[in-house]
Each structure stands twice: as structure tokens, then as C-alpha cells.
Amino acid sequence: MNISNIKYRDLTFDFKSHPINKSPITISGNDVVKASIKNLVMMQEFDKPFHPEINSGVFNLLFEPMTQAITFLLSENIRTVINQNEPRVQLKDVIVEPFYDDGLYQITIVYTILNQTETQELGFILEVLR
């Protein structure tokens, strides 16, 4: 089997079903990898049964005061959890931009899916919890 022909397919995280035929709705292709990366970043300790080591630690950092050190730790934790647990991607960059006045971080993850040349980008916002 040629690895470049592998097609990824998974269930949606909300487990919704099709309104007419009631079959589970699936996502495929690059969207599967994107959902997996975001899931890894948001994963807390003990979210994955029997594997508490698979977590990013991001949730705990959102309780800390917004500083350059916490911004750096967020970036490193995200980088580590993706590199250790998502073998389908080659991570290019993790950009964590703090917005101190709004109490949030803009996260941008840049990566390529293995055996693809197109660069992918995933962006989302993390809000500081106080």
C-alpha cells in the first residue's frame, strides 16, 4: 500500500448522526488530522482512559497569570504533545500570541501532513480562566 494514498476518516467529536439515515456523521481527509491536533491540545490529564500521560497541560496554564514565561510554556507544551502523539504531521511552528487586555491567547499551529506538500494551519483562541 502506498502511504500517500491513505485516506483518514473519523467520527465527529459530538457524535451527531445524519438526520435522515441516522448513520454517524464522519469527517475525512485533512479535517481528521486538524481535529486530532486540537483534541490533543485541549486534552487534560485522565481524559484518555489508562493514558494520563497524554495531555498538553494547557488547561492548567490557563489559570496562571499571563506572562511571557506562561506564553513560552504554552507553546512548548503544545509542541511536545503534538510531536509525541500525532505521527501523521510534521510540525513547522506553534505561535502563541497573548492579548493581555482581553485575557486570551491566539494559538496558531503550522504543520504539514506527512507525504503532502501543502502547509496546513490551525488557529483557535484560548481564554484565561480566573
Protein backbone atom coordinates (compact mmCIF):
# COMPACT_ATOMS: atom_id res chain seq x y z
CA MET A 1 0.00 0.00 0.00
CA ASN A 2 1.34 3.41 -0.96
CA ILE A 3 1.30 5.64 2.12
CA SER A 4 0.49 8.73 0.04
CA ASN A 5 -2.88 7.18 -0.85
CA ILE A 6 -4.02 6.74 2.76
CA LYS A 7 -7.34 8.47 3.44
CA TYR A 8 -8.14 9.40 7.01
CA ARG A 9 -11.71 9.10 8.32
CA ASP A 10 -13.16 9.51 11.80
CA LEU A 11 -16.36 10.27 13.70
CA THR A 12 -17.14 13.81 14.71
CA PHE A 13 -16.42 14.58 18.35
CA ASP A 14 -20.04 15.42 19.09
CA PHE A 15 -21.19 12.03 17.69
CA LYS A 16 -24.08 13.58 15.76
CA SER A 17 -26.00 11.36 13.40
CA HIS A 18 -27.32 12.05 9.93
CA PRO A 19 -30.89 13.43 10.20
CA ILE A 20 -32.31 11.12 7.52
CA ASN A 21 -30.45 7.82 7.61
CA LYS A 22 -29.33 8.10 11.29
CA SER A 23 -25.79 6.92 10.47
CA PRO A 24 -22.93 8.62 12.31
CA ILE A 25 -21.56 11.72 10.62
CA THR A 26 -17.89 11.36 9.75
CA ILE A 27 -15.10 13.72 8.84
CA SER A 28 -12.32 12.82 6.44
CA GLY A 29 -9.05 13.91 4.94
CA ASN A 30 -7.15 16.82 6.43
CA ASP A 31 -10.06 17.67 8.75
CA VAL A 32 -9.42 14.45 10.70
CA VAL A 33 -5.83 15.45 11.41
CA LYS A 34 -6.85 19.01 12.29
CA ALA A 35 -9.47 17.72 14.77
CA SER A 36 -6.92 15.34 16.28
CA ILE A 37 -4.40 18.15 16.83
CA LYS A 38 -6.96 20.39 18.50
CA ASN A 39 -8.15 17.47 20.64
CA LEU A 40 -4.58 16.79 21.78
CA VAL A 41 -4.05 20.43 22.71
CA MET A 42 -7.27 20.55 24.74
CA MET A 43 -6.74 17.17 26.40
CA GLN A 44 -6.37 17.17 30.18
CA GLU A 45 -4.79 14.56 32.37
CA PHE A 46 -7.01 11.46 32.65
CA ASP A 47 -9.19 12.46 29.65
CA LYS A 48 -7.79 9.44 27.82
CA PRO A 49 -8.53 6.31 29.87
CA PHE A 50 -5.40 4.47 31.06
CA HIS A 51 -3.12 7.12 29.49
CA PRO A 52 -2.88 10.11 31.83
CA GLU A 53 0.48 10.98 30.26
CA ILE A 54 -1.29 12.05 27.06
CA ASN A 55 -2.18 15.63 27.87
CA SER A 56 -0.87 19.04 26.97
CA GLY A 57 -1.04 20.73 30.36
CA VAL A 58 -2.56 23.75 28.61
CA PHE A 59 -5.69 23.81 30.77
CA ASN A 60 -3.65 24.18 33.97
CA LEU A 61 -1.61 27.02 32.47
CA LEU A 62 -4.79 28.98 31.74
CA PHE A 63 -5.19 29.53 35.49
CA GLU A 64 -1.79 31.23 35.70
CA PRO A 65 -1.22 34.99 35.29
CA MET A 66 -0.45 35.96 31.70
CA THR A 67 3.32 36.39 31.43
CA GLN A 68 5.98 35.77 28.79
CA ALA A 69 7.00 32.64 30.69
CA ILE A 70 3.48 31.18 30.53
CA THR A 71 3.26 32.09 26.84
CA PHE A 72 6.50 30.18 26.26
CA LEU A 73 5.26 27.18 28.29
CA LEU A 74 2.01 27.08 26.31
CA SER A 75 3.98 26.98 23.08
CA GLU A 76 6.34 24.27 24.33
CA ASN A 77 3.54 22.12 25.80
CA ILE A 78 1.58 22.28 22.55
CA ARG A 79 4.69 21.45 20.53
CA THR A 80 5.52 18.49 22.79
CA VAL A 81 2.05 16.91 22.84
CA ILE A 82 1.77 17.11 19.04
CA ASN A 83 5.28 15.76 18.39
CA GLN A 84 4.77 12.86 20.80
CA ASN A 85 1.22 11.86 19.88
CA GLU A 86 0.41 12.85 16.30
CA PRO A 87 2.65 10.86 13.93
CA ARG A 88 0.75 12.00 10.82
CA VAL A 89 2.15 15.53 10.93
CA GLN A 90 5.44 17.34 10.65
CA LEU A 91 5.14 20.33 12.96
CA LYS A 92 6.51 23.55 11.48
CA ASP A 93 5.63 26.16 14.09
CA VAL A 94 3.50 26.92 17.14
CA ILE A 95 2.71 30.59 17.61
CA VAL A 96 1.16 31.73 20.88
CA GLU A 97 0.18 35.38 20.85
CA PRO A 98 -1.02 36.81 24.18
CA PHE A 99 -3.69 39.52 24.31
CA TYR A 100 -3.21 40.76 27.86
CA ASP A 101 -6.10 43.25 27.88
CA ASP A 102 -8.60 40.64 26.68
CA GLY A 103 -7.25 37.76 28.78
CA LEU A 104 -6.74 35.38 25.89
CA TYR A 105 -4.14 33.68 23.73
CA GLN A 106 -4.34 33.32 19.95
CA ILE A 107 -2.88 29.93 19.06
CA THR A 108 -1.66 29.17 15.54
CA ILE A 109 -0.26 25.75 14.69
CA VAL A 110 1.51 25.35 11.34
CA TYR A 111 2.19 21.83 10.07
CA THR A 112 2.30 19.58 7.05
CA ILE A 113 0.64 16.21 6.85
CA LEU A 114 3.17 13.51 6.03
CA ASN A 115 3.54 12.83 2.31
CA GLN A 116 1.79 16.09 1.45
CA THR A 117 3.48 19.29 0.42
CA GLU A 118 0.72 21.75 1.31
CA THR A 119 1.20 23.56 4.62
CA GLN A 120 -1.80 23.42 6.93
CA GLU A 121 -2.70 25.94 9.60
CA LEU A 122 -4.94 25.56 12.63
CA GLY A 123 -5.91 28.61 14.65
CA PHE A 124 -8.02 28.98 17.77
CA ILE A 125 -8.33 31.08 20.90
CA LEU A 126 -7.70 30.04 24.49
CA GLU A 127 -9.28 32.16 27.20
CA VAL A 128 -7.57 32.69 30.54
CA LEU A 129 -9.56 31.13 33.41
CA ARG A 130 -9.70 33.16 36.61
